[in-house]
C-alpha cells in the first residue's frame, strides 16, 4: 500500500518546474491543443511534449487525441485531492506523526 505521501510526490515533482506551472496556468482557461499551449511558451515542441508527458503521467492533466492533435485539460479531481493533501499536511490531525515521537506538544 502506497502512503498518502508517495501518492502525491509525482504531482509535486511535476509541478516543481517553471514551464509546467505556466502550462497549468494556461490550461486554467480551459481545454487547449498542444499547438495553442506552445504559442504561449518559449520552448520547442519536443520540450512541450516532455512537459505534457510529465503532467499527464502524474495525473494532474488529462489528454485526449483528436485526429493529429492532442488536447489537454486540468484534472480537477486530482487537483482537489492534492489541495486536500496539502491542507492536511499543514494542519493538526489525529494521526499526526509527531505524537509517536513525543517531541512536540500536539
Protein backbone atom coordinates (compact mmCIF):
# COMPACT_ATOMS: atom_id res chain seq x y z
CA UNK A 1 0.00 0.00 0.00
CA UNK A 2 1.43 3.35 -1.01
CA UNK A 3 1.39 6.04 1.62
CA UNK A 4 -0.50 9.27 1.14
CA UNK A 5 2.89 10.93 0.71
CA UNK A 6 4.02 8.64 -2.09
CA UNK A 7 0.73 9.14 -3.93
CA UNK A 8 1.36 12.90 -4.18
CA UNK A 9 5.11 13.03 -4.72
CA UNK A 10 4.85 12.62 -8.53
CA UNK A 11 2.50 15.57 -8.77
CA UNK A 12 4.65 17.76 -6.55
CA UNK A 13 7.75 16.87 -8.55
CA UNK A 14 5.93 17.58 -11.81
CA UNK A 15 4.88 20.99 -10.52
CA UNK A 16 8.43 21.88 -9.49
CA UNK A 17 9.23 23.21 -12.97
CA UNK A 18 8.53 26.78 -14.10
CA UNK A 19 7.29 25.77 -17.57
CA UNK A 20 4.96 23.14 -16.17
CA UNK A 21 3.48 25.67 -13.76
CA UNK A 22 2.98 28.03 -16.71
CA UNK A 23 1.24 25.23 -18.61
CA UNK A 24 -1.14 24.68 -15.69
CA UNK A 25 -1.92 28.39 -15.66
CA UNK A 26 -2.52 28.35 -19.43
CA UNK A 27 -4.86 25.37 -19.04
CA UNK A 28 -6.82 27.19 -16.34
CA UNK A 29 -8.56 28.93 -19.28
CA UNK A 30 -9.95 25.57 -20.46
CA UNK A 31 -9.09 22.82 -22.92
CA UNK A 32 -6.28 23.61 -25.35
CA UNK A 33 -4.43 21.83 -28.08
CA UNK A 34 -0.68 21.46 -27.82
CA UNK A 35 -0.16 23.99 -30.62
CA UNK A 36 -2.01 26.69 -28.63
CA UNK A 37 -0.06 25.92 -25.47
CA UNK A 38 3.17 26.12 -27.45
CA UNK A 39 2.30 29.60 -28.74
CA UNK A 40 2.27 30.86 -25.13
CA UNK A 41 5.71 29.47 -24.21
CA UNK A 42 9.25 29.97 -25.44
CA UNK A 43 10.05 26.27 -25.78
CA UNK A 44 10.30 23.75 -28.61
CA UNK A 45 7.63 21.19 -29.48
CA UNK A 46 9.72 18.26 -28.17
CA UNK A 47 10.19 20.10 -24.86
CA UNK A 48 6.45 20.73 -24.65
CA UNK A 49 5.82 17.02 -25.30
CA UNK A 50 8.15 16.14 -22.42
CA UNK A 51 6.35 18.53 -20.06
CA UNK A 52 2.92 17.29 -21.11
CA UNK A 53 4.01 13.69 -20.57
CA UNK A 54 5.11 14.55 -17.03
CA UNK A 55 1.84 16.35 -16.28
CA UNK A 56 -0.37 13.61 -17.72
CA UNK A 57 1.56 10.74 -16.13
CA UNK A 58 1.24 12.25 -12.66
CA UNK A 59 -2.49 12.72 -13.25
CA UNK A 60 -2.74 16.50 -12.93
CA UNK A 61 -3.59 16.96 -16.64
CA UNK A 62 -5.93 14.95 -18.88
CA UNK A 63 -5.09 14.30 -22.51
CA UNK A 64 -7.21 13.33 -25.48
CA UNK A 65 -6.28 12.86 -29.11
CA UNK A 66 -8.42 14.14 -31.94
CA UNK A 67 -7.01 13.47 -35.37
CA UNK A 68 -3.42 14.68 -35.39
CA UNK A 69 -3.86 16.97 -32.39
CA UNK A 70 -3.59 16.38 -28.65
CA UNK A 71 -5.91 18.36 -26.40
CA UNK A 72 -5.26 18.94 -22.71
CA UNK A 73 -7.32 19.90 -19.67
CA UNK A 74 -6.63 20.19 -15.98
CA UNK A 75 -7.75 17.15 -13.98
CA UNK A 76 -9.87 18.97 -11.37
CA UNK A 77 -10.46 15.83 -9.29
CA UNK A 78 -6.76 15.18 -8.82
CA UNK A 79 -6.09 18.89 -8.21
CA UNK A 80 -8.69 18.85 -5.44
CA UNK A 81 -7.09 15.73 -3.94
CA UNK A 82 -3.69 17.46 -3.97
CA UNK A 83 -5.15 20.56 -2.30
CA UNK A 84 -6.75 18.37 0.39
CA UNK A 85 -3.44 16.56 0.91
CA UNK A 86 -1.52 19.84 1.29
CA UNK A 87 -4.12 21.29 3.67
CA UNK A 88 -3.97 18.12 5.75
CA UNK A 89 -0.17 18.20 5.66
CA UNK A 90 0.00 21.59 7.37
CA UNK A 91 -2.87 21.01 9.81
CA UNK A 92 -3.02 19.11 13.04
CA UNK A 93 -4.81 15.78 12.68
CA UNK A 94 -5.45 12.82 14.94
CA UNK A 95 -2.86 10.82 13.01
CA UNK A 96 -0.14 13.45 13.49
CA UNK A 97 3.23 11.69 13.28
CA UNK A 98 4.76 13.83 15.99
CA UNK A 99 2.53 12.10 18.55
CA UNK A 100 4.59 8.98 18.02
CA UNK A 101 7.87 10.75 18.78
CA UNK A 102 6.68 12.84 21.75
CA UNK A 103 8.86 15.73 20.55
CA UNK A 104 6.08 18.28 20.32
CA UNK A 105 3.04 19.31 22.27
CA UNK A 106 0.47 18.43 19.54
